[in-house]
Amino acid sequence: MSRAEIFSNIRRGLGRGEASAEQKAAVKARLDQHKANLIPMRAQLPHHEQVALFKEMALEAAAEIIELTDIHEVPAACEAWLANREINELIAASDSQITALDWQSTPRIQLNHRVGKVGDIASLTTSFAGIAETGTLMLYSRQESPTTLNFLPDVHMVILHEKDIVGPYEDAWQKLRSSTAGTMPRTVNMITGPSRSADIEQRLQMGAHGPKELVILLISDSQ
């Protein structure tokens, strides 16, 4: 059942129709005036320190970071990383940031744009934001970047621009609300390192619920 259907059922149960433009505007005004909760000091830093904290926390969570100066370096970086592990296929989102790159220069990579499937080895997506507080990536689902790419392949490679790193979670959510004009995406994923679990006999298992490896392609966009 879709979110729209769920909300429709709730309205029907309450005996209400869809909110009017005036009612929606009133709710938006109330949300905009809402004060943020207590935010940890660790994330309230100048941006360059937020970037440093993000790297520290992501590495602590067992993610791998490949630092690049320009997004056009992504194909070569992916090819080198995958070739080192004898992987030649990459399932990628059809995000314009990815499709605009020169993949013809990396003939060893078989690039496919489609949804992720069980059995896929590696995927490549972009990310919406990085959260310095915990070294977490924020991604959201859309037609050109389905959520299956985030969880089904064994390796998840993610493009993140340093300019998209924020301090606390609150800033990431505010950034998302602003960029989507208040229309929230169907799914928002918070990813901190590769998937893991110690539920079985207290033994840490990587890839328990998703990728075994998370590779962050961190773009500084410096000239």
Protein backbone atom coordinates (compact mmCIF):
# COMPACT_ATOMS: atom_id res chain seq x y z
CA MET A 1 0.00 0.00 0.00
CA SER A 2 1.40 3.39 -0.99
CA ARG A 3 1.80 6.34 1.35
CA ALA A 4 -0.95 8.19 -0.53
CA GLU A 5 -3.35 5.29 0.02
CA ILE A 6 -2.49 5.14 3.73
CA PHE A 7 -3.14 8.86 4.18
CA SER A 8 -6.36 8.57 2.18
CA ASN A 9 -7.58 5.80 4.49
CA ILE A 10 -6.72 7.90 7.56
CA ARG A 11 -8.62 10.90 6.19
CA ARG A 12 -11.60 8.70 5.38
CA GLY A 13 -11.56 7.28 8.91
CA LEU A 14 -11.50 10.80 10.34
CA GLY A 15 -14.24 11.91 8.02
CA ARG A 16 -12.01 14.55 6.45
CA GLY A 17 -11.11 15.44 2.89
CA GLU A 18 -7.72 16.47 1.58
CA ALA A 19 -6.29 19.56 3.25
CA SER A 20 -6.92 22.88 1.53
CA ALA A 21 -4.11 25.16 0.36
CA GLU A 22 -4.73 27.39 3.37
CA GLN A 23 -4.49 24.44 5.79
CA LYS A 24 -1.28 23.20 4.15
CA ALA A 25 0.20 26.70 4.38
CA ALA A 26 -0.70 26.91 8.08
CA VAL A 27 1.01 23.57 8.78
CA LYS A 28 4.12 24.63 6.85
CA ALA A 29 4.29 27.90 8.79
CA ARG A 30 4.04 26.01 12.07
CA LEU A 31 6.82 23.61 11.05
CA ASP A 32 9.06 26.45 9.88
CA GLN A 33 8.69 28.17 13.26
CA HIS A 34 9.43 25.03 15.25
CA LYS A 35 12.68 25.31 17.20
CA ALA A 36 15.25 22.57 16.84
CA ASN A 37 15.86 20.25 19.78
CA LEU A 38 19.13 20.19 21.69
CA ILE A 39 21.96 19.61 19.18
CA PRO A 40 25.24 17.99 20.32
CA MET A 41 28.21 20.38 20.38
CA ARG A 42 30.37 17.83 18.51
CA ALA A 43 28.56 18.68 15.25
CA GLN A 44 28.45 22.45 15.67
CA LEU A 45 31.70 23.15 13.86
CA PRO A 46 33.03 25.19 10.94
CA HIS A 47 32.44 23.32 7.69
CA HIS A 48 36.04 22.18 7.18
CA GLU A 49 35.96 20.62 10.66
CA GLN A 50 32.62 18.96 9.87
CA VAL A 51 34.29 17.37 6.84
CA ALA A 52 37.15 16.12 9.01
CA LEU A 53 34.70 14.74 11.59
CA PHE A 54 32.69 13.00 8.87
CA LYS A 55 35.83 11.25 7.61
CA GLU A 56 36.81 10.20 11.13
CA MET A 57 33.39 8.80 11.97
CA ALA A 58 32.90 7.07 8.59
CA LEU A 59 36.26 5.32 8.88
CA GLU A 60 35.44 4.29 12.45
CA ALA A 61 32.24 2.71 11.09
CA ALA A 62 34.37 0.60 8.68
CA ALA A 63 33.59 2.57 5.52
CA GLU A 64 36.35 3.15 2.97
CA ILE A 65 36.97 6.68 1.71
CA ILE A 66 38.53 7.54 -1.65
CA GLU A 67 39.28 11.25 -1.80
CA LEU A 68 38.99 12.91 -5.22
CA THR A 69 39.31 16.52 -6.33
CA ASP A 70 36.74 16.41 -9.13
CA ILE A 71 33.73 14.25 -9.96
CA HIS A 72 35.22 13.46 -13.37
CA GLU A 73 37.79 11.30 -11.54
CA VAL A 74 35.03 8.90 -10.45
CA PRO A 75 35.15 6.45 -13.43
CA ALA A 76 38.91 5.88 -13.10
CA ALA A 77 38.63 5.51 -9.31
CA CYS A 78 35.82 2.97 -9.67
CA GLU A 79 37.73 1.05 -12.33
CA ALA A 80 40.87 0.86 -10.21
CA TRP A 81 38.99 -0.25 -7.08
CA LEU A 82 36.91 -2.86 -8.89
CA ALA A 83 39.84 -4.20 -10.94
CA ASN A 84 41.78 -4.77 -7.72
CA ARG A 85 38.99 -7.14 -6.67
CA GLU A 86 38.47 -8.64 -10.12
CA ILE A 87 35.00 -7.13 -10.46
CA ASN A 88 34.05 -5.94 -13.94
CA GLU A 89 30.34 -5.09 -13.65
CA LEU A 90 28.93 -1.99 -11.97
CA ILE A 91 25.19 -1.40 -11.55
CA ALA A 92 24.70 2.35 -11.42
CA ALA A 93 21.92 4.80 -10.75
CA SER A 94 20.81 6.80 -13.78
CA ASP A 95 21.44 10.00 -11.82
CA SER A 96 22.61 12.80 -14.12
CA GLN A 97 25.83 13.18 -12.10
CA ILE A 98 26.73 9.61 -13.06
CA THR A 99 25.44 9.47 -16.63
CA ALA A 100 27.31 12.67 -17.53
CA LEU A 101 30.68 11.10 -16.73
CA ASP A 102 33.04 9.64 -19.34
CA TRP A 103 32.63 5.91 -18.82
CA GLN A 104 34.04 5.19 -22.29
CA SER A 105 37.48 5.78 -20.78
CA THR A 106 37.04 2.78 -18.45
CA PRO A 107 36.55 -0.18 -20.82
CA ARG A 108 37.15 -2.74 -18.07
CA ILE A 109 33.89 -1.71 -16.39
CA GLN A 110 30.62 -3.08 -17.71
CA LEU A 111 28.26 -0.31 -16.63
CA ASN A 112 24.51 -1.00 -16.41
CA HIS A 113 21.79 1.42 -15.33
CA ARG A 114 18.97 -0.54 -13.68
CA VAL A 115 17.51 -1.52 -10.33
CA GLY A 116 19.64 -3.59 -8.01
CA LYS A 117 19.03 -7.33 -7.89
CA VAL A 118 20.02 -10.19 -5.61
CA GLY A 119 23.39 -11.45 -6.81
CA ASP A 120 24.73 -8.07 -7.97
CA ILE A 121 28.30 -7.49 -6.83
CA ALA A 122 28.74 -3.71 -6.95
CA SER A 123 26.57 -0.62 -7.29
CA LEU A 124 27.20 3.10 -7.66
CA THR A 125 24.88 5.86 -6.48
CA THR A 126 25.07 9.49 -5.47
CA SER A 127 24.14 10.69 -1.99
CA PHE A 128 22.11 13.66 -0.85
CA ALA A 129 24.13 14.55 2.23
CA GLY A 130 26.78 13.42 4.66
CA ILE A 131 26.18 13.83 8.40
CA ALA A 132 29.37 14.60 10.29
CA GLU A 133 27.90 13.74 13.70
CA THR A 134 28.08 10.00 12.97
CA GLY A 135 29.73 9.67 9.55
CA THR A 136 26.36 8.83 8.04
CA LEU A 137 25.18 9.11 4.43
CA MET A 138 21.67 10.31 3.62
CA LEU A 139 20.14 8.97 0.41
CA TYR A 140 16.58 9.09 -0.84
CA SER A 141 14.72 7.01 -3.40
CA ARG A 142 13.61 8.35 -6.76
CA GLN A 143 13.09 6.94 -10.23
CA GLU A 144 16.71 7.40 -11.27
CA SER A 145 18.11 5.99 -8.01
CA PRO A 146 16.04 3.11 -6.59
CA THR A 147 16.66 1.96 -3.03
CA THR A 148 17.57 -1.54 -4.23
CA LEU A 149 20.95 -0.17 -5.32
CA ASN A 150 21.69 0.78 -1.70
CA PHE A 151 21.13 -2.64 -0.16
CA LEU A 152 21.23 -5.61 -2.57
CA PRO A 153 24.78 -5.54 -4.05
CA ASP A 154 27.73 -6.72 -1.94
CA VAL A 155 29.60 -3.47 -2.55
CA HIS A 156 28.00 -0.01 -2.44
CA MET A 157 30.05 2.82 -3.94
CA VAL A 158 28.66 6.28 -3.13
CA ILE A 159 29.52 9.71 -4.51
CA LEU A 160 29.52 12.44 -1.85
CA HIS A 161 30.54 16.06 -2.33
CA GLU A 162 32.23 17.74 0.62
CA LYS A 163 29.90 20.73 0.16
CA ASP A 164 26.97 18.43 0.99
CA ILE A 165 28.35 17.49 4.41
CA VAL A 166 26.43 18.99 7.34
CA GLY A 167 26.96 18.77 11.08
CA PRO A 168 23.94 17.23 12.84
CA TYR A 169 20.98 15.19 11.62
CA GLU A 170 18.68 18.18 12.07
CA ASP A 171 20.58 20.10 9.37
CA ALA A 172 20.34 17.17 6.97
CA TRP A 173 16.57 16.94 7.38
CA GLN A 174 16.20 20.69 6.94
CA LYS A 175 18.34 20.50 3.78
CA LEU A 176 16.08 17.74 2.45
CA ARG A 177 12.87 19.65 3.20
CA SER A 178 14.23 22.75 1.48
CA SER A 179 15.46 20.95 -1.63
CA THR A 180 12.26 18.96 -2.14
CA ALA A 181 9.97 21.96 -1.56
CA GLY A 182 8.26 20.16 1.31
CA THR A 183 7.38 17.07 -0.76
CA MET A 184 9.23 14.32 1.05
CA PRO A 185 10.52 11.32 -0.95
CA ARG A 186 8.98 7.90 -0.49
CA THR A 187 12.07 6.48 1.22
CA VAL A 188 15.00 8.11 3.02
CA ASN A 189 17.95 5.88 3.91
CA MET A 190 20.58 6.62 6.56
CA ILE A 191 23.70 4.54 5.94
CA THR A 192 26.55 4.38 8.45
CA GLY A 193 29.26 2.01 7.25
CA PRO A 194 28.67 -1.42 5.71
CA SER A 195 25.88 -3.66 6.97
CA ARG A 196 26.69 -5.71 10.05
CA SER A 197 25.07 -7.67 12.85
CA ALA A 198 26.20 -9.47 16.00
CA ASP A 199 22.77 -10.91 16.83
CA ILE A 200 23.86 -14.51 16.20
CA GLU A 201 26.10 -15.83 19.00
CA GLN A 202 27.48 -12.28 19.43
CA ARG A 203 29.75 -12.77 16.42
CA LEU A 204 30.09 -9.79 14.12
CA GLN A 205 28.90 -10.62 10.61
CA MET A 206 29.47 -8.12 7.81
CA GLY A 207 26.83 -7.81 5.11
CA ALA A 208 24.06 -9.19 7.31
CA HIS A 209 21.34 -6.91 5.94
CA GLY A 210 23.05 -5.17 3.04
CA PRO A 211 26.46 -4.46 1.45
CA LYS A 212 29.59 -5.95 2.97
CA GLU A 213 31.62 -2.94 1.85
CA LEU A 214 30.80 0.76 1.67
CA VAL A 215 33.12 2.88 -0.48
CA ILE A 216 32.65 6.65 -0.28
CA LEU A 217 33.98 8.63 -3.24
CA LEU A 218 34.50 11.97 -1.47
CA ILE A 219 34.71 14.88 -3.91
CA SER A 220 36.38 18.09 -2.75
CA ASP A 221 35.62 19.95 -6.02
CA SER A 222 38.82 21.92 -5.49
CA GLN A 223 40.46 23.49 -8.51
